Amino acid sequence: EACELLNSQSDLYEFGVLLDRAWQLKRALSPCISNEHIDRWYERARQAGALGGKILGAGGGGFLLVFAKPAAHDDIKKSLSELLLVPFAFENAGSQITMYSTVSYSGG
């Protein structure tokens, strides 16, 4: 269903709604899927206009990806201001290894 939405000419924002539906189903599987911090951030993002989201990564770190219409982006950023924002965009070239850091390296 997600592939069909992303590859079709239909409303791309339905993908965000699908993300939320998948998140709700996944959370219902086990109380270990999420924690109070993730739940709080997700709910704040939804209240600020996010259509849906999911957690990415594993172990002691990862990302909370949220999907929203551009008009809601600033409100979501403000509602999650204590988190590090990592810009995201769809990529047509496939998976690529990247590194994102807010720390500058001076060499040596």
C-alpha atoms as a PDB file:
ATOM      1  CA  GLU A   1       0.000   0.000   0.000  1.00  0.00           C
ATOM      2  CA  ALA A   2       2.859   2.392   0.831  1.00  0.00           C
ATOM      3  CA  CYS A   3       4.612   1.683  -2.482  1.00  0.00           C
ATOM      4  CA  GLU A   4       1.373   2.261  -4.375  1.00  0.00           C
ATOM      5  CA  LEU A   5       0.851   5.607  -2.626  1.00  0.00           C
ATOM      6  CA  LEU A   6       4.417   6.763  -3.260  1.00  0.00           C
ATOM      7  CA  ASN A   7       4.401   5.669  -6.903  1.00  0.00           C
ATOM      8  CA  SER A   8       0.937   6.957  -7.780  1.00  0.00           C
ATOM      9  CA  GLN A   9      -0.294  10.377  -8.663  1.00  0.00           C
ATOM     10  CA  SER A  10      -2.618  10.335  -5.662  1.00  0.00           C
ATOM     11  CA  ASP A  11      -2.376  12.580  -2.621  1.00  0.00           C
ATOM     12  CA  LEU A  12       1.095  11.987  -1.163  1.00  0.00           C
ATOM     13  CA  TYR A  13      -0.188  13.062   2.246  1.00  0.00           C
ATOM     14  CA  GLU A  14      -2.138   9.814   2.447  1.00  0.00           C
ATOM     15  CA  PHE A  15       1.304   8.253   3.023  1.00  0.00           C
ATOM     16  CA  GLY A  16       1.529  10.186   6.298  1.00  0.00           C
ATOM     17  CA  VAL A  17      -1.867   8.858   7.366  1.00  0.00           C
ATOM     18  CA  LEU A  18      -0.657   5.339   6.509  1.00  0.00           C
ATOM     19  CA  LEU A  19       2.452   5.900   8.647  1.00  0.00           C
ATOM     20  CA  ASP A  20       0.265   6.778  11.618  1.00  0.00           C
ATOM     21  CA  ARG A  21      -1.926   3.727  11.098  1.00  0.00           C
ATOM     22  CA  ALA A  22       1.156   1.477  10.935  1.00  0.00           C
ATOM     23  CA  TRP A  23       2.604   3.132  14.073  1.00  0.00           C
ATOM     24  CA  GLN A  24      -0.622   2.537  16.012  1.00  0.00           C
ATOM     25  CA  LEU A  25      -0.717  -1.125  14.917  1.00  0.00           C
ATOM     26  CA  LYS A  26       2.946  -1.652  15.793  1.00  0.00           C
ATOM     27  CA  ARG A  27       2.539  -0.073  19.241  1.00  0.00           C
ATOM     28  CA  ALA A  28      -0.374  -2.415  19.929  1.00  0.00           C
ATOM     29  CA  LEU A  29       1.907  -5.434  19.494  1.00  0.00           C
ATOM     30  CA  SER A  30       3.986  -4.866  22.624  1.00  0.00           C
ATOM     31  CA  PRO A  31       4.639  -2.251  25.307  1.00  0.00           C
ATOM     32  CA  CYS A  32       8.347  -2.552  24.409  1.00  0.00           C
ATOM     33  CA  ILE A  33       7.866  -1.007  20.942  1.00  0.00           C
ATOM     34  CA  SER A  34       8.105   2.509  22.352  1.00  0.00           C
ATOM     35  CA  ASN A  35       8.719   4.379  25.571  1.00  0.00           C
ATOM     36  CA  GLU A  36       7.305   7.423  27.350  1.00  0.00           C
ATOM     37  CA  HIS A  37       9.741   9.819  25.652  1.00  0.00           C
ATOM     38  CA  ILE A  38       8.978   8.609  22.136  1.00  0.00           C
ATOM     39  CA  ASP A  39       5.250   8.557  22.865  1.00  0.00           C
ATOM     40  CA  ARG A  40       5.380  12.127  24.180  1.00  0.00           C
ATOM     41  CA  TRP A  41       7.403  13.411  21.184  1.00  0.00           C
ATOM     42  CA  TYR A  42       5.134  11.613  18.727  1.00  0.00           C
ATOM     43  CA  GLU A  43       1.996  13.037  20.321  1.00  0.00           C
ATOM     44  CA  ARG A  44       3.451  16.561  20.383  1.00  0.00           C
ATOM     45  CA  ALA A  45       4.354  16.250  16.698  1.00  0.00           C
ATOM     46  CA  ARG A  46       0.834  15.038  15.873  1.00  0.00           C
ATOM     47  CA  GLN A  47      -0.726  17.906  17.827  1.00  0.00           C
ATOM     48  CA  ALA A  48       1.495  20.326  15.889  1.00  0.00           C
ATOM     49  CA  GLY A  49       0.332  18.956  12.545  1.00  0.00           C
ATOM     50  CA  ALA A  50       2.261  15.765  11.755  1.00  0.00           C
ATOM     51  CA  LEU A  51       0.169  13.289   9.788  1.00  0.00           C
ATOM     52  CA  GLY A  52       2.160  10.285  10.954  1.00  0.00           C
ATOM     53  CA  GLY A  53       5.589   9.005  11.767  1.00  0.00           C
ATOM     54  CA  LYS A  54       7.761   6.122  12.827  1.00  0.00           C
ATOM     55  CA  ILE A  55      10.923   5.369  14.712  1.00  0.00           C
ATOM     56  CA  LEU A  56      14.003   4.375  12.726  1.00  0.00           C
ATOM     57  CA  GLY A  57      17.225   2.806  13.909  1.00  0.00           C
ATOM     58  CA  ALA A  58      17.821   0.422  16.771  1.00  0.00           C
ATOM     59  CA  GLY A  59      19.652   0.015  20.021  1.00  0.00           C
ATOM     60  CA  GLY A  60      20.665   3.058  22.029  1.00  0.00           C
ATOM     61  CA  GLY A  61      19.902   5.616  19.325  1.00  0.00           C
ATOM     62  CA  GLY A  62      17.806   6.319  16.329  1.00  0.00           C
ATOM     63  CA  PHE A  63      15.410   8.757  14.771  1.00  0.00           C
ATOM     64  CA  LEU A  64      11.816   9.805  15.071  1.00  0.00           C
ATOM     65  CA  LEU A  65      10.662  10.489  11.527  1.00  0.00           C
ATOM     66  CA  VAL A  66       7.491  12.537  11.177  1.00  0.00           C
ATOM     67  CA  PHE A  67       5.589  13.270   7.991  1.00  0.00           C
ATOM     68  CA  ALA A  68       3.634  16.513   7.604  1.00  0.00           C
ATOM     69  CA  LYS A  69       2.440  19.067   5.139  1.00  0.00           C
ATOM     70  CA  PRO A  70       4.964  21.921   4.710  1.00  0.00           C
ATOM     71  CA  ALA A  71       2.641  24.381   6.472  1.00  0.00           C
ATOM     72  CA  ALA A  72       3.059  22.398   9.713  1.00  0.00           C
ATOM     73  CA  HIS A  73       6.853  22.063   9.625  1.00  0.00           C
ATOM     74  CA  ASP A  74       7.649  25.151  11.706  1.00  0.00           C
ATOM     75  CA  ASP A  75       5.096  24.242  14.381  1.00  0.00           C
ATOM     76  CA  ILE A  76       6.474  20.706  14.600  1.00  0.00           C
ATOM     77  CA  LYS A  77      10.052  21.981  14.856  1.00  0.00           C
ATOM     78  CA  LYS A  78       9.011  24.269  17.711  1.00  0.00           C
ATOM     79  CA  SER A  79       7.148  21.475  19.499  1.00  0.00           C
ATOM     80  CA  LEU A  80      10.230  19.223  19.327  1.00  0.00           C
ATOM     81  CA  SER A  81      12.868  21.908  19.803  1.00  0.00           C
ATOM     82  CA  GLU A  82      14.868  19.831  22.309  1.00  0.00           C
ATOM     83  CA  LEU A  83      15.561  17.224  19.618  1.00  0.00           C
ATOM     84  CA  LEU A  84      18.214  17.450  16.917  1.00  0.00           C
ATOM     85  CA  LEU A  85      16.632  18.174  13.541  1.00  0.00           C
ATOM     86  CA  VAL A  86      18.097  16.113  10.715  1.00  0.00           C
ATOM     87  CA  PRO A  87      16.683  17.318   7.371  1.00  0.00           C
ATOM     88  CA  PHE A  88      15.006  14.662   5.266  1.00  0.00           C
ATOM     89  CA  ALA A  89      13.991  14.411   1.626  1.00  0.00           C
ATOM     90  CA  PHE A  90      12.984  11.602  -0.683  1.00  0.00           C
ATOM     91  CA  GLU A  91      15.859  10.316  -2.804  1.00  0.00           C
ATOM     92  CA  ASN A  92      15.512   8.720  -6.225  1.00  0.00           C
ATOM     93  CA  ALA A  93      19.061   7.306  -6.326  1.00  0.00           C
ATOM     94  CA  GLY A  94      18.389   4.608  -3.688  1.00  0.00           C
ATOM     95  CA  SER A  95      20.127   4.042  -0.374  1.00  0.00           C
ATOM     96  CA  GLN A  96      23.279   6.000   0.288  1.00  0.00           C
ATOM     97  CA  ILE A  97      25.548   6.057   3.319  1.00  0.00           C
ATOM     98  CA  THR A  98      25.675   9.528   4.814  1.00  0.00           C
ATOM     99  CA  MET A  99      26.871  11.135   8.004  1.00  0.00           C
ATOM    100  CA  TYR A 100      25.185  14.012   9.763  1.00  0.00           C
ATOM    101  CA  SER A 101      26.967  15.842  12.555  1.00  0.00           C
ATOM    102  CA  THR A 102      26.599  19.162  14.298  1.00  0.00           C
ATOM    103  CA  VAL A 103      30.205  18.929  15.487  1.00  0.00           C
ATOM    104  CA  SER A 104      32.816  20.474  13.222  1.00  0.00           C
ATOM    105  CA  TYR A 105      36.135  18.724  12.809  1.00  0.00           C
ATOM    106  CA  SER A 106      39.254  20.842  12.629  1.00  0.00           C
ATOM    107  CA  GLY A 107      41.565  18.067  11.501  1.00  0.00           C
ATOM    108  CA  GLY A 108      44.848  17.139  13.034  1.00  0.00           C
END
